[in-house]
Amino acid sequence: MANEATITTLLGKYGNPVEYTVADGTAIPKGSLMVMDSSPQTAKISAAAGDFFVGIANSEKKANDGKTKMAVITKCIAEITTKGGGSAVLGAPVHIDGVNLVDVATDDTCAGATLVVAQSLETLGASVKGAMFVNV
C-alpha cells in the first residue's frame, strides 16, 4: 500500500484502541485508515469518499495469517496524506477520499459526522502529509 498515516502522539488511554473484525485474506499495513465494512463491527482499508471512518490500524496484518481481529487507534495526532487535487485547511475537518487519503470535508460530509476523519492542524496542498487531530 501507500500513504499510510504515521501516528505521532497517542491521546486518551494509549490512543483509545478499539478492536474490529478483519478479513483473514487481506493484508493491512500499519497506519492504514480503516473504515466500517459490514456488521457486526467489521473493518477494512479506506477506499472512497463516503466511507465511515473507524480509526487507524495499530499494527500490520499479513494476508492469510489467521488473524481476524485488529485494534485501531481512535484518538491521536497523526501525519495523514491529502489526496491529489485535494487539500486541508488549518482547523477544518477532513474526510476519507481514497485509499489512505483525505480531503477537506464539505457541509454534507460534516453533517454525517461519521465521515469526518480528523481536524487538520495545518494548511496543506495536494498530495502532502500533515498533522491532524483524530478523535473518533
N, C-alpha and C. Protein backbone atom coordinates (compact mmCIF):
# COMPACT_ATOMS: atom_id res chain seq x y z
N MET A 1 0.85 -1.19 0.00
CA MET A 1 0.00 0.00 0.00
C MET A 1 0.89 1.24 0.00
N ALA A 2 0.23 2.37 0.15
CA ALA A 2 0.96 3.64 0.20
C ALA A 2 0.16 4.64 1.01
N ASN A 3 0.84 5.69 1.42
CA ASN A 3 0.23 6.83 2.12
C ASN A 3 -0.35 6.49 3.50
N GLU A 4 0.17 5.46 4.16
CA GLU A 4 -0.32 5.15 5.50
C GLU A 4 -0.04 6.32 6.43
N ALA A 5 -0.93 6.49 7.41
CA ALA A 5 -0.76 7.55 8.41
C ALA A 5 0.37 7.17 9.37
N THR A 6 1.03 8.18 9.91
CA THR A 6 2.05 7.98 10.92
C THR A 6 1.56 8.63 12.20
N ILE A 7 1.29 7.82 13.21
CA ILE A 7 0.81 8.34 14.49
C ILE A 7 2.00 8.96 15.22
N THR A 8 1.87 10.24 15.59
CA THR A 8 2.96 10.93 16.28
C THR A 8 2.70 11.06 17.78
N THR A 9 1.42 11.14 18.17
CA THR A 9 1.07 11.28 19.59
C THR A 9 -0.20 10.51 19.87
N LEU A 10 -0.13 9.58 20.83
CA LEU A 10 -1.33 8.88 21.28
C LEU A 10 -2.01 9.74 22.33
N LEU A 11 -3.32 9.87 22.23
CA LEU A 11 -4.10 10.65 23.19
C LEU A 11 -5.04 9.70 23.93
N GLY A 12 -5.68 10.20 25.00
CA GLY A 12 -6.57 9.33 25.76
C GLY A 12 -5.75 8.26 26.44
N LYS A 13 -6.29 7.07 26.52
CA LYS A 13 -5.57 5.94 27.13
C LYS A 13 -4.97 5.10 26.01
N TYR A 14 -3.69 5.32 25.71
CA TYR A 14 -2.96 4.61 24.67
C TYR A 14 -3.62 4.74 23.30
N GLY A 15 -4.26 5.88 23.04
CA GLY A 15 -4.90 6.10 21.76
C GLY A 15 -6.31 5.54 21.68
N ASN A 16 -6.85 5.10 22.83
CA ASN A 16 -8.20 4.52 22.89
C ASN A 16 -8.44 3.49 21.78
N PRO A 17 -7.65 2.38 21.77
CA PRO A 17 -7.83 1.38 20.71
C PRO A 17 -9.18 0.67 20.82
N VAL A 18 -9.74 0.34 19.65
CA VAL A 18 -10.99 -0.42 19.56
C VAL A 18 -10.71 -1.60 18.63
N GLU A 19 -11.18 -2.79 19.01
CA GLU A 19 -10.94 -3.99 18.21
C GLU A 19 -12.05 -4.20 17.17
N TYR A 20 -11.64 -4.50 15.93
CA TYR A 20 -12.57 -4.78 14.84
C TYR A 20 -12.24 -6.12 14.22
N THR A 21 -13.22 -6.75 13.62
CA THR A 21 -13.01 -7.96 12.83
C THR A 21 -12.49 -7.53 11.46
N VAL A 22 -11.52 -8.29 10.93
CA VAL A 22 -10.97 -8.02 9.60
C VAL A 22 -10.90 -9.34 8.83
N ALA A 23 -10.85 -9.26 7.51
CA ALA A 23 -10.79 -10.46 6.67
C ALA A 23 -9.40 -11.09 6.76
N ASP A 24 -9.35 -12.41 6.96
CA ASP A 24 -8.08 -13.12 7.06
C ASP A 24 -7.25 -12.99 5.79
N GLY A 25 -7.89 -13.00 4.63
CA GLY A 25 -7.18 -12.96 3.36
C GLY A 25 -6.67 -11.60 2.94
N THR A 26 -6.84 -10.60 3.79
CA THR A 26 -6.46 -9.23 3.45
C THR A 26 -5.19 -8.79 4.18
N ALA A 27 -4.27 -8.17 3.46
CA ALA A 27 -3.10 -7.55 4.08
C ALA A 27 -3.47 -6.11 4.45
N ILE A 28 -3.12 -5.71 5.67
CA ILE A 28 -3.41 -4.35 6.12
C ILE A 28 -2.13 -3.76 6.72
N PRO A 29 -1.53 -2.79 6.06
CA PRO A 29 -0.33 -2.16 6.61
C PRO A 29 -0.64 -1.33 7.86
N LYS A 30 0.31 -1.27 8.78
CA LYS A 30 0.18 -0.42 9.95
C LYS A 30 -0.01 1.02 9.48
N GLY A 31 -0.94 1.74 10.12
CA GLY A 31 -1.19 3.14 9.75
C GLY A 31 -2.27 3.32 8.71
N SER A 32 -2.88 2.22 8.25
CA SER A 32 -3.96 2.34 7.26
C SER A 32 -5.18 3.02 7.88
N LEU A 33 -5.83 3.88 7.10
CA LEU A 33 -7.08 4.48 7.54
C LEU A 33 -8.16 3.42 7.36
N MET A 34 -8.80 3.05 8.46
CA MET A 34 -9.76 1.95 8.45
C MET A 34 -11.19 2.47 8.46
N VAL A 35 -12.07 1.77 7.74
CA VAL A 35 -13.47 2.16 7.63
C VAL A 35 -14.35 0.95 7.92
N MET A 36 -15.61 1.22 8.27
CA MET A 36 -16.56 0.15 8.53
C MET A 36 -16.85 -0.57 7.23
N ASP A 37 -16.80 -1.90 7.27
CA ASP A 37 -17.04 -2.73 6.10
C ASP A 37 -18.43 -3.36 6.14
N SER A 38 -18.77 -3.95 7.28
CA SER A 38 -20.07 -4.60 7.42
C SER A 38 -20.36 -4.84 8.90
N SER A 39 -21.55 -5.36 9.16
CA SER A 39 -21.96 -5.67 10.52
C SER A 39 -21.72 -7.16 10.74
N PRO A 40 -21.30 -7.57 11.90
CA PRO A 40 -21.03 -6.74 13.08
C PRO A 40 -19.56 -6.30 13.14
N GLN A 41 -19.35 -5.06 13.39
CA GLN A 41 -18.06 -4.43 13.68
C GLN A 41 -16.90 -4.98 12.86
N THR A 42 -17.05 -4.96 11.52
CA THR A 42 -16.01 -5.44 10.61
C THR A 42 -15.43 -4.25 9.86
N ALA A 43 -14.10 -4.19 9.78
CA ALA A 43 -13.43 -3.04 9.16
C ALA A 43 -12.54 -3.47 8.00
N LYS A 44 -12.22 -2.50 7.14
CA LYS A 44 -11.31 -2.70 6.01
C LYS A 44 -10.58 -1.38 5.76
N ILE A 45 -9.62 -1.41 4.84
CA ILE A 45 -8.88 -0.20 4.47
C ILE A 45 -9.80 0.74 3.69
N SER A 46 -9.64 2.04 3.92
CA SER A 46 -10.45 3.04 3.21
C SER A 46 -10.30 2.88 1.70
N ALA A 47 -11.36 3.27 0.98
CA ALA A 47 -11.30 3.14 -0.47
C ALA A 47 -11.82 4.37 -1.20
N ALA A 48 -12.88 4.99 -0.67
CA ALA A 48 -13.51 6.08 -1.43
C ALA A 48 -14.23 7.05 -0.50
N ALA A 49 -14.56 8.20 -1.05
CA ALA A 49 -15.34 9.19 -0.31
C ALA A 49 -16.65 8.54 0.13
N GLY A 50 -17.10 8.88 1.32
CA GLY A 50 -18.35 8.35 1.83
C GLY A 50 -18.16 7.17 2.77
N ASP A 51 -16.93 6.66 2.89
CA ASP A 51 -16.67 5.57 3.83
C ASP A 51 -16.75 6.07 5.26
N PHE A 52 -17.27 5.24 6.15
CA PHE A 52 -17.45 5.52 7.57
C PHE A 52 -16.15 5.19 8.32
N PHE A 53 -15.38 6.21 8.68
CA PHE A 53 -14.07 6.07 9.32
C PHE A 53 -14.19 5.52 10.73
N VAL A 54 -13.34 4.53 11.08
CA VAL A 54 -13.37 3.96 12.43
C VAL A 54 -12.05 4.12 13.19
N GLY A 55 -10.93 4.41 12.51
CA GLY A 55 -9.66 4.59 13.20
C GLY A 55 -8.48 4.25 12.30
N ILE A 56 -7.30 4.21 12.92
CA ILE A 56 -6.04 3.95 12.20
C ILE A 56 -5.48 2.61 12.67
N ALA A 57 -5.14 1.73 11.72
CA ALA A 57 -4.60 0.40 12.05
C ALA A 57 -3.39 0.53 12.97
N ASN A 58 -3.44 -0.16 14.10
CA ASN A 58 -2.38 -0.06 15.11
C ASN A 58 -1.20 -0.98 14.82
N SER A 59 -1.38 -1.97 13.95
CA SER A 59 -0.30 -2.91 13.64
C SER A 59 -0.49 -3.41 12.21
N GLU A 60 0.53 -4.11 11.71
CA GLU A 60 0.44 -4.69 10.38
C GLU A 60 -0.28 -6.03 10.46
N LYS A 61 -1.06 -6.35 9.43
CA LYS A 61 -1.68 -7.66 9.31
C LYS A 61 -1.33 -8.22 7.94
N LYS A 62 -0.75 -9.42 7.92
CA LYS A 62 -0.39 -10.06 6.66
C LYS A 62 -1.57 -10.88 6.14
N ALA A 63 -1.69 -10.98 4.84
CA ALA A 63 -2.77 -11.77 4.23
C ALA A 63 -2.64 -13.23 4.63
N ASN A 64 -3.75 -13.86 4.93
CA ASN A 64 -3.82 -15.29 5.27
C ASN A 64 -2.94 -15.69 6.45
N ASP A 65 -2.81 -14.79 7.43
CA ASP A 65 -2.01 -15.11 8.63
C ASP A 65 -2.85 -15.71 9.75
N GLY A 66 -4.15 -15.88 9.52
CA GLY A 66 -5.04 -16.47 10.52
C GLY A 66 -5.65 -15.46 11.47
N LYS A 67 -5.20 -14.22 11.41
CA LYS A 67 -5.73 -13.19 12.31
C LYS A 67 -7.01 -12.60 11.73
N THR A 68 -8.03 -12.49 12.56
CA THR A 68 -9.29 -11.90 12.12
C THR A 68 -9.74 -10.77 13.04
N LYS A 69 -8.85 -10.33 13.93
CA LYS A 69 -9.13 -9.20 14.81
C LYS A 69 -7.98 -8.22 14.72
N MET A 70 -8.31 -6.92 14.79
CA MET A 70 -7.28 -5.88 14.73
C MET A 70 -7.71 -4.68 15.54
N ALA A 71 -6.77 -4.10 16.27
CA ALA A 71 -7.05 -2.87 17.01
C ALA A 71 -6.81 -1.67 16.11
N VAL A 72 -7.70 -0.69 16.21
CA VAL A 72 -7.50 0.58 15.53
C VAL A 72 -7.43 1.69 16.57
N ILE A 73 -6.57 2.66 16.33
CA ILE A 73 -6.41 3.81 17.22
C ILE A 73 -7.48 4.84 16.88
N THR A 74 -8.18 5.31 17.90
CA THR A 74 -9.30 6.24 17.67
C THR A 74 -9.04 7.65 18.18
N LYS A 75 -7.93 7.87 18.91
CA LYS A 75 -7.66 9.21 19.43
C LYS A 75 -6.14 9.46 19.41
N CYS A 76 -5.73 10.35 18.50
CA CYS A 76 -4.29 10.60 18.35
C CYS A 76 -4.06 11.85 17.50
N ILE A 77 -2.81 12.20 17.38
CA ILE A 77 -2.37 13.16 16.37
C ILE A 77 -1.55 12.34 15.40
N ALA A 78 -1.87 12.45 14.11
CA ALA A 78 -1.20 11.64 13.09
C ALA A 78 -0.89 12.48 11.86
N GLU A 79 0.15 12.08 11.17
CA GLU A 79 0.50 12.66 9.88
C GLU A 79 -0.30 11.89 8.84
N ILE A 80 -1.25 12.56 8.17
CA ILE A 80 -2.14 11.93 7.20
C ILE A 80 -1.99 12.65 5.86
N THR A 81 -2.09 11.91 4.77
CA THR A 81 -1.86 12.45 3.42
C THR A 81 -3.14 12.95 2.76
N THR A 82 -3.06 14.14 2.16
CA THR A 82 -4.18 14.67 1.37
C THR A 82 -4.15 14.03 -0.02
N LYS A 83 -5.29 13.96 -0.66
CA LYS A 83 -5.36 13.34 -1.99
C LYS A 83 -4.79 14.28 -3.05
N GLY A 84 -4.42 13.74 -4.20
CA GLY A 84 -4.01 14.55 -5.33
C GLY A 84 -5.17 15.43 -5.75
N GLY A 85 -4.97 16.71 -5.87
CA GLY A 85 -6.06 17.62 -6.19
C GLY A 85 -6.87 18.03 -4.97
N GLY A 86 -6.49 17.53 -3.81
CA GLY A 86 -7.20 17.86 -2.57
C GLY A 86 -6.40 18.82 -1.71
N SER A 87 -6.86 19.00 -0.48
CA SER A 87 -6.17 19.90 0.43
C SER A 87 -6.67 19.69 1.85
N ALA A 88 -6.11 20.44 2.76
CA ALA A 88 -6.58 20.51 4.15
C ALA A 88 -6.38 21.95 4.60
N VAL A 89 -7.27 22.43 5.44
CA VAL A 89 -7.22 23.81 5.92
C VAL A 89 -7.10 23.79 7.43
N LEU A 90 -6.19 24.60 7.96
CA LEU A 90 -5.98 24.68 9.40
C LEU A 90 -7.31 24.79 10.14
N GLY A 91 -7.56 23.87 11.06
CA GLY A 91 -8.76 23.89 11.89
C GLY A 91 -10.00 23.27 11.28
N ALA A 92 -9.95 22.95 9.99
CA ALA A 92 -11.12 22.39 9.31
C ALA A 92 -11.09 20.87 9.32
N PRO A 93 -12.27 20.23 9.29
CA PRO A 93 -12.33 18.78 9.24
C PRO A 93 -11.97 18.24 7.86
N VAL A 94 -11.49 16.99 7.84
CA VAL A 94 -11.20 16.28 6.59
C VAL A 94 -11.97 14.96 6.58
N HIS A 95 -12.20 14.43 5.38
CA HIS A 95 -12.91 13.15 5.24
C HIS A 95 -12.12 12.23 4.33
N ILE A 96 -12.44 10.93 4.37
CA ILE A 96 -11.82 9.94 3.51
C ILE A 96 -12.11 10.30 2.05
N ASP A 97 -11.08 10.19 1.20
CA ASP A 97 -11.29 10.42 -0.22
C ASP A 97 -10.31 9.59 -1.03
N GLY A 98 -10.27 8.29 -0.73
CA GLY A 98 -9.39 7.37 -1.42
C GLY A 98 -8.67 6.47 -0.43
N VAL A 99 -7.82 5.61 -0.95
CA VAL A 99 -7.07 4.69 -0.09
C VAL A 99 -6.04 5.46 0.72
N ASN A 100 -6.27 5.55 2.03
CA ASN A 100 -5.39 6.26 2.96
C ASN A 100 -5.22 7.74 2.63
N LEU A 101 -6.22 8.33 1.99
CA LEU A 101 -6.16 9.74 1.61
C LEU A 101 -7.36 10.51 2.18
N VAL A 102 -7.14 11.81 2.44
CA VAL A 102 -8.21 12.68 2.94
C VAL A 102 -8.30 13.95 2.10
N ASP A 103 -9.42 14.65 2.24
CA ASP A 103 -9.64 15.93 1.57
C ASP A 103 -10.50 16.78 2.50
N VAL A 104 -10.56 18.08 2.25
CA VAL A 104 -11.37 18.99 3.05
C VAL A 104 -12.81 18.48 3.06
N ALA A 105 -13.42 18.41 4.24
CA ALA A 105 -14.81 17.97 4.36
C ALA A 105 -15.75 19.11 3.95
N THR A 106 -16.82 18.75 3.27
CA THR A 106 -17.84 19.72 2.88
C THR A 106 -18.92 19.77 3.95
N ASP A 107 -19.87 20.67 3.80
CA ASP A 107 -21.00 20.70 4.73
C ASP A 107 -21.72 19.35 4.77
N ASP A 108 -21.85 18.71 3.62
CA ASP A 108 -22.52 17.41 3.56
C ASP A 108 -21.76 16.35 4.36
N THR A 109 -20.43 16.31 4.21
CA THR A 109 -19.67 15.28 4.93
C THR A 109 -19.59 15.60 6.41
N CYS A 110 -19.65 16.87 6.78
CA CYS A 110 -19.65 17.23 8.20
C CYS A 110 -20.99 16.90 8.84
N ALA A 111 -22.07 17.02 8.07
CA ALA A 111 -23.41 16.69 8.59
C ALA A 111 -23.46 15.22 8.95
N GLY A 112 -22.78 14.39 8.18
CA GLY A 112 -22.64 12.97 8.53
C GLY A 112 -21.33 12.83 9.28
N ALA A 113 -21.33 13.20 10.56
CA ALA A 113 -20.11 13.28 11.35
C ALA A 113 -19.27 12.01 11.31
N THR A 114 -19.89 10.87 11.02
CA THR A 114 -19.13 9.62 10.94
C THR A 114 -18.18 9.61 9.76
N LEU A 115 -18.36 10.53 8.81
CA LEU A 115 -17.48 10.59 7.65
C LEU A 115 -16.23 11.42 7.93
N VAL A 116 -16.22 12.19 9.01
CA VAL A 116 -15.07 13.04 9.34
C VAL A 116 -13.97 12.19 9.94
N VAL A 117 -12.76 12.31 9.40
CA VAL A 117 -11.60 11.56 9.87
C VAL A 117 -10.87 12.32 10.97
N ALA A 118 -10.66 13.61 10.75
CA ALA A 118 -9.82 14.37 11.66
C ALA A 118 -10.03 15.87 11.46
N GLN A 119 -9.40 16.64 12.35
CA GLN A 119 -9.35 18.10 12.22
C GLN A 119 -7.91 18.43 11.85
N SER A 120 -7.74 19.15 10.77
CA SER A 120 -6.40 19.48 10.29
C SER A 120 -5.71 20.47 11.23
N LEU A 121 -4.47 20.18 11.54
CA LEU A 121 -3.67 21.07 12.38
C LEU A 121 -2.73 21.93 11.55
N GLU A 122 -2.85 21.83 10.22
CA GLU A 122 -2.03 22.59 9.29
C GLU A 122 -2.84 22.88 8.02
N THR A 123 -2.41 23.87 7.25
CA THR A 123 -2.96 24.09 5.92
C THR A 123 -2.04 23.37 4.95
N LEU A 124 -2.64 22.49 4.12
CA LEU A 124 -1.85 21.64 3.23
C LEU A 124 -2.39 21.67 1.81
N GLY A 125 -1.52 21.49 0.86
CA GLY A 125 -1.94 21.37 -0.53
C GLY A 125 -2.20 19.91 -0.88
N ALA A 126 -2.22 19.62 -2.17
CA ALA A 126 -2.49 18.26 -2.66
C ALA A 126 -1.31 17.33 -2.43
N SER A 127 -1.61 16.08 -2.14
CA SER A 127 -0.61 15.01 -2.00
C SER A 127 0.47 15.33 -0.98
N VAL A 128 0.07 15.92 0.15
CA VAL A 128 1.01 16.31 1.19
C VAL A 128 0.60 15.65 2.50
N LYS A 129 1.59 15.22 3.28
CA LYS A 129 1.32 14.63 4.59
C LYS A 129 1.44 15.72 5.64
N GLY A 130 0.44 15.79 6.55
CA GLY A 130 0.48 16.82 7.60
C GLY A 130 -0.23 16.38 8.86
N ALA A 131 -0.03 17.13 9.94
CA ALA A 131 -0.58 16.80 11.25
C ALA A 131 -2.09 17.00 11.31
N MET A 132 -2.77 15.99 11.87
CA MET A 132 -4.22 16.05 12.02
C MET A 132 -4.62 15.42 13.35
N PHE A 133 -5.67 15.98 13.96
CA PHE A 133 -6.21 15.51 15.23
C PHE A 133 -7.34 14.51 14.96
N VAL A 134 -7.10 13.24 15.28
CA VAL A 134 -8.08 12.19 15.09
C VAL A 134 -8.81 11.97 16.41
N ASN A 135 -10.13 12.01 16.37
CA ASN A 135 -10.94 11.82 17.58
C ASN A 135 -12.26 11.16 17.19
N VAL A 136 -12.23 9.85 17.01
CA VAL A 136 -13.42 9.11 16.58
C VAL A 136 -14.34 8.92 17.77
